[in-house]
């Protein structure tokens, strides 16, 4: 009986915590996250201030715990990819060894956004979200994109930094549009993933052509 009581108390506590988080994320639709007060959060979620302070010392700790959970989630997912990733190859062997299928990091990113869509949509909100959280996510994305490019045999040349930055920005842009759009009005996850993968394939092929053909490399150089 004692065990059942403890389990019931834990379940109720978890429900209260989820209610606080859900209310906080919904309020970000209305105002900047650090302007939300404990008083209005409690009123909206129908709990007392005392109940809130059982879980969090203030709004900043609430945000910190939400972000820590999300960052831990995406780090775990990316770490799993890294442990299963293929070894790299010389870019000259592109035609024989390049894998044209979308890499797991693209799929994992959108799975992560889908599984945490309320939190990601709120925290990445351009007006009311947290720019520092976005920077932390971008840092993780850039790391995994670089690992993907290493696997694809792409060199660390002058174009790589530009591609990585652009590719990471497109991850966020695609996620924002996808999460804010009606499912019937936008591309499916697989279509978005394939669209981003087209850029990856193109980058690999152009690098391959530049390395095996001096004439092609010269033409590209003249264009830019």
Protein backbone atom coordinates (compact mmCIF):
# COMPACT_ATOMS: atom_id res chain seq x y z
CA UNK A 1 0.00 0.00 0.00
CA UNK A 2 2.89 2.35 0.83
CA UNK A 3 4.48 1.65 -2.54
CA UNK A 4 1.20 2.40 -4.34
CA UNK A 5 0.83 5.67 -2.46
CA UNK A 6 4.39 6.70 -3.33
CA UNK A 7 3.86 5.79 -6.98
CA UNK A 8 0.64 7.80 -7.08
CA UNK A 9 2.34 10.79 -5.49
CA UNK A 10 5.19 10.60 -8.01
CA UNK A 11 2.74 10.40 -10.92
CA UNK A 12 0.82 13.42 -9.64
CA UNK A 13 4.06 15.34 -9.18
CA UNK A 14 5.09 14.57 -12.75
CA UNK A 15 1.69 15.69 -14.05
CA UNK A 16 2.07 19.00 -12.21
CA UNK A 17 5.54 19.51 -13.62
CA UNK A 18 4.29 18.82 -17.15
CA UNK A 19 1.41 21.26 -16.65
CA UNK A 20 3.83 24.00 -15.57
CA UNK A 21 6.06 23.38 -18.58
CA UNK A 22 3.13 23.23 -21.02
CA UNK A 23 1.71 26.49 -19.66
CA UNK A 24 5.08 28.21 -19.82
CA UNK A 25 5.61 27.17 -23.45
CA UNK A 26 2.12 28.34 -24.42
CA UNK A 27 2.75 31.73 -22.81
CA UNK A 28 5.83 32.21 -24.99
CA UNK A 29 3.39 32.58 -27.90
CA UNK A 30 2.21 35.78 -26.21
CA UNK A 31 5.32 37.40 -24.77
CA UNK A 32 9.11 37.18 -24.38
CA UNK A 33 9.97 34.16 -22.24
CA UNK A 34 11.89 36.13 -19.57
CA UNK A 35 8.99 38.56 -19.18
CA UNK A 36 6.63 35.80 -18.06
CA UNK A 37 5.97 36.03 -14.33
CA UNK A 38 5.45 33.23 -11.84
CA UNK A 39 2.15 34.86 -10.90
CA UNK A 40 0.65 34.71 -14.39
CA UNK A 41 2.04 31.24 -15.04
CA UNK A 42 0.40 29.95 -11.85
CA UNK A 43 -2.90 31.64 -12.72
CA UNK A 44 -2.90 30.15 -16.22
CA UNK A 45 -1.97 26.65 -15.04
CA UNK A 46 -4.33 26.85 -12.02
CA UNK A 47 -1.74 26.11 -9.36
CA UNK A 48 -0.53 28.06 -6.35
CA UNK A 49 2.77 29.91 -6.21
CA UNK A 50 3.80 27.53 -3.46
CA UNK A 51 3.28 24.59 -5.81
CA UNK A 52 5.44 26.24 -8.46
CA UNK A 53 8.26 26.82 -5.98
CA UNK A 54 8.23 23.15 -5.02
CA UNK A 55 9.68 22.48 -8.49
CA UNK A 56 11.50 25.64 -9.60
CA UNK A 57 13.12 28.60 -7.87
CA UNK A 58 12.10 30.99 -10.66
CA UNK A 59 11.31 31.27 -14.39
CA UNK A 60 15.00 31.08 -15.26
CA UNK A 61 15.45 27.71 -13.58
CA UNK A 62 12.32 26.46 -15.35
CA UNK A 63 13.77 27.50 -18.71
CA UNK A 64 17.17 26.07 -17.81
CA UNK A 65 15.70 22.65 -17.01
CA UNK A 66 13.63 22.60 -20.20
CA UNK A 67 16.69 23.43 -22.28
CA UNK A 68 18.92 20.95 -20.44
CA UNK A 69 16.44 18.17 -21.16
CA UNK A 70 16.23 19.07 -24.87
CA UNK A 71 19.99 19.40 -25.30
CA UNK A 72 20.56 16.07 -23.55
CA UNK A 73 18.00 14.46 -25.86
CA UNK A 74 19.59 15.70 -29.11
CA UNK A 75 23.12 14.95 -27.85
CA UNK A 76 22.10 11.37 -27.10
CA UNK A 77 20.56 10.98 -30.55
CA UNK A 78 23.60 12.41 -32.32
CA UNK A 79 25.96 10.28 -30.22
CA UNK A 80 24.09 7.17 -31.33
CA UNK A 81 24.61 8.18 -34.97
CA UNK A 82 28.29 8.77 -34.40
CA UNK A 83 28.76 5.29 -32.92
CA UNK A 84 27.12 3.75 -36.00
CA UNK A 85 28.63 6.02 -38.68
CA UNK A 86 30.65 4.77 -41.62
CA UNK A 87 34.32 5.60 -42.02
CA UNK A 88 35.33 8.33 -44.46
CA UNK A 89 36.94 7.89 -47.88
CA UNK A 90 39.06 9.99 -50.26
CA UNK A 91 36.94 12.38 -52.31
CA UNK A 92 38.42 10.83 -55.47
CA UNK A 93 36.39 7.69 -54.65
CA UNK A 94 33.14 9.67 -54.50
CA UNK A 95 31.37 7.84 -57.35
CA UNK A 96 32.16 4.41 -55.90
CA UNK A 97 31.63 5.02 -52.19
CA UNK A 98 29.29 7.98 -51.68
CA UNK A 99 25.98 7.06 -50.01
CA UNK A 100 23.21 9.03 -51.71
CA UNK A 101 20.59 8.10 -49.11
CA UNK A 102 19.74 10.86 -46.58
CA UNK A 103 22.12 10.57 -43.62
CA UNK A 104 20.76 9.75 -40.21
CA UNK A 105 21.60 13.17 -38.77
CA UNK A 106 18.96 14.78 -41.03
CA UNK A 107 16.33 12.27 -39.98
CA UNK A 108 17.28 12.51 -36.31
CA UNK A 109 17.01 16.31 -36.38
CA UNK A 110 13.41 16.24 -37.60
CA UNK A 111 12.48 13.34 -35.33
CA UNK A 112 13.84 15.41 -32.44
CA UNK A 113 11.84 18.47 -33.53
CA UNK A 114 8.69 16.39 -33.96
CA UNK A 115 9.02 14.63 -30.60
CA UNK A 116 9.56 18.01 -28.86
CA UNK A 117 7.54 20.19 -31.18
CA UNK A 118 5.85 22.42 -28.57
CA UNK A 119 9.15 23.21 -26.85
CA UNK A 120 11.14 23.65 -30.07
CA UNK A 121 8.49 25.89 -31.65
CA UNK A 122 8.38 28.09 -28.54
CA UNK A 123 12.11 28.28 -27.83
CA UNK A 124 13.00 28.99 -31.46
CA UNK A 125 10.35 31.70 -31.76
CA UNK A 126 12.12 34.66 -33.36
CA UNK A 127 10.45 37.23 -31.09
CA UNK A 128 9.82 35.49 -27.79
CA UNK A 129 12.18 32.51 -27.75
CA UNK A 130 15.73 32.24 -26.42
CA UNK A 131 18.50 33.10 -28.88
CA UNK A 132 21.10 31.52 -26.60
CA UNK A 133 19.34 28.16 -26.77
CA UNK A 134 19.34 28.43 -30.55
CA UNK A 135 23.09 29.06 -30.47
CA UNK A 136 23.63 25.95 -28.32
CA UNK A 137 21.59 23.86 -30.75
CA UNK A 138 23.51 25.29 -33.72
CA UNK A 139 26.79 24.35 -32.09
CA UNK A 140 25.63 20.73 -31.80
CA UNK A 141 24.32 20.77 -35.37
CA UNK A 142 27.56 22.15 -36.76
CA UNK A 143 29.49 19.39 -35.02
CA UNK A 144 27.31 16.65 -36.48
CA UNK A 145 27.31 18.25 -39.96
CA UNK A 146 31.10 18.32 -39.90
CA UNK A 147 31.12 14.64 -38.92
CA UNK A 148 28.75 13.93 -41.81
CA UNK A 149 31.06 15.76 -44.23
CA UNK A 150 34.07 13.85 -42.92
CA UNK A 151 32.19 10.62 -43.60
CA UNK A 152 31.34 11.89 -47.09
CA UNK A 153 35.04 12.44 -47.80
CA UNK A 154 34.79 16.23 -48.11
CA UNK A 155 38.00 18.14 -47.40
CA UNK A 156 38.43 20.93 -44.87
CA UNK A 157 38.76 23.59 -47.56
CA UNK A 158 37.69 27.23 -47.83
CA UNK A 159 34.15 26.34 -48.92
CA UNK A 160 33.43 23.97 -46.08
CA UNK A 161 32.84 26.58 -43.38
CA UNK A 162 30.38 28.43 -45.58
CA UNK A 163 28.51 25.25 -46.44
CA UNK A 164 28.32 24.12 -42.81
CA UNK A 165 26.93 27.47 -41.67
CA UNK A 166 24.40 27.62 -44.49
CA UNK A 167 23.38 23.99 -44.00
CA UNK A 168 22.86 24.45 -40.26
CA UNK A 169 20.76 27.58 -40.87
CA UNK A 170 18.59 25.62 -43.30
CA UNK A 171 17.99 23.01 -40.59
CA UNK A 172 16.48 25.72 -38.42
CA UNK A 173 14.57 27.40 -41.22
CA UNK A 174 13.06 24.10 -42.35
CA UNK A 175 12.16 23.16 -38.77
CA UNK A 176 10.49 26.52 -38.14
CA UNK A 177 8.44 26.42 -41.34
CA UNK A 178 7.53 22.78 -40.81
CA UNK A 179 6.45 23.21 -37.18
CA UNK A 180 4.43 26.35 -37.90
CA UNK A 181 2.66 25.04 -41.01
CA UNK A 182 -0.44 22.99 -41.37
CA UNK A 183 0.65 19.48 -42.34
CA UNK A 184 -1.48 19.59 -45.49
CA UNK A 185 0.09 22.90 -46.59
CA UNK A 186 3.74 21.92 -46.35
CA UNK A 187 6.13 19.17 -47.31
CA UNK A 188 6.29 15.94 -45.38
CA UNK A 189 9.31 15.21 -43.20
CA UNK A 190 10.72 12.83 -45.79
CA UNK A 191 10.35 15.49 -48.51
CA UNK A 192 12.14 18.11 -46.39
CA UNK A 193 14.90 15.64 -45.57
CA UNK A 194 15.32 14.76 -49.24
CA UNK A 195 15.47 18.46 -50.13
CA UNK A 196 18.29 19.08 -47.64
CA UNK A 197 20.00 15.90 -48.77
CA UNK A 198 20.08 17.27 -52.32
CA UNK A 199 22.40 20.03 -51.07
CA UNK A 200 24.63 17.45 -49.41
CA UNK A 201 24.86 15.37 -52.58
CA UNK A 202 25.55 18.46 -54.67
CA UNK A 203 28.34 19.58 -52.35
CA UNK A 204 29.96 16.17 -52.55
CA UNK A 205 29.74 15.94 -56.33
CA UNK A 206 31.06 19.46 -56.93
CA UNK A 207 33.99 18.79 -54.62
CA UNK A 208 34.70 15.55 -56.47
CA UNK A 209 34.63 17.35 -59.85
CA UNK A 210 36.93 20.11 -58.58
CA UNK A 211 39.45 17.54 -57.40
CA UNK A 212 39.57 15.38 -60.53
CA UNK A 213 39.24 18.15 -63.13
CA UNK A 214 41.55 21.21 -63.04
CA UNK A 215 39.49 22.76 -65.86
CA UNK A 216 36.28 22.43 -63.86
CA UNK A 217 37.96 23.82 -60.75
CA UNK A 218 39.15 26.83 -62.75
CA UNK A 219 35.64 27.47 -64.10
CA UNK A 220 34.20 27.40 -60.57
CA UNK A 221 36.90 29.74 -59.37
CA UNK A 222 36.12 32.19 -62.19
CA UNK A 223 32.46 32.20 -61.26
CA UNK A 224 33.23 33.35 -57.75
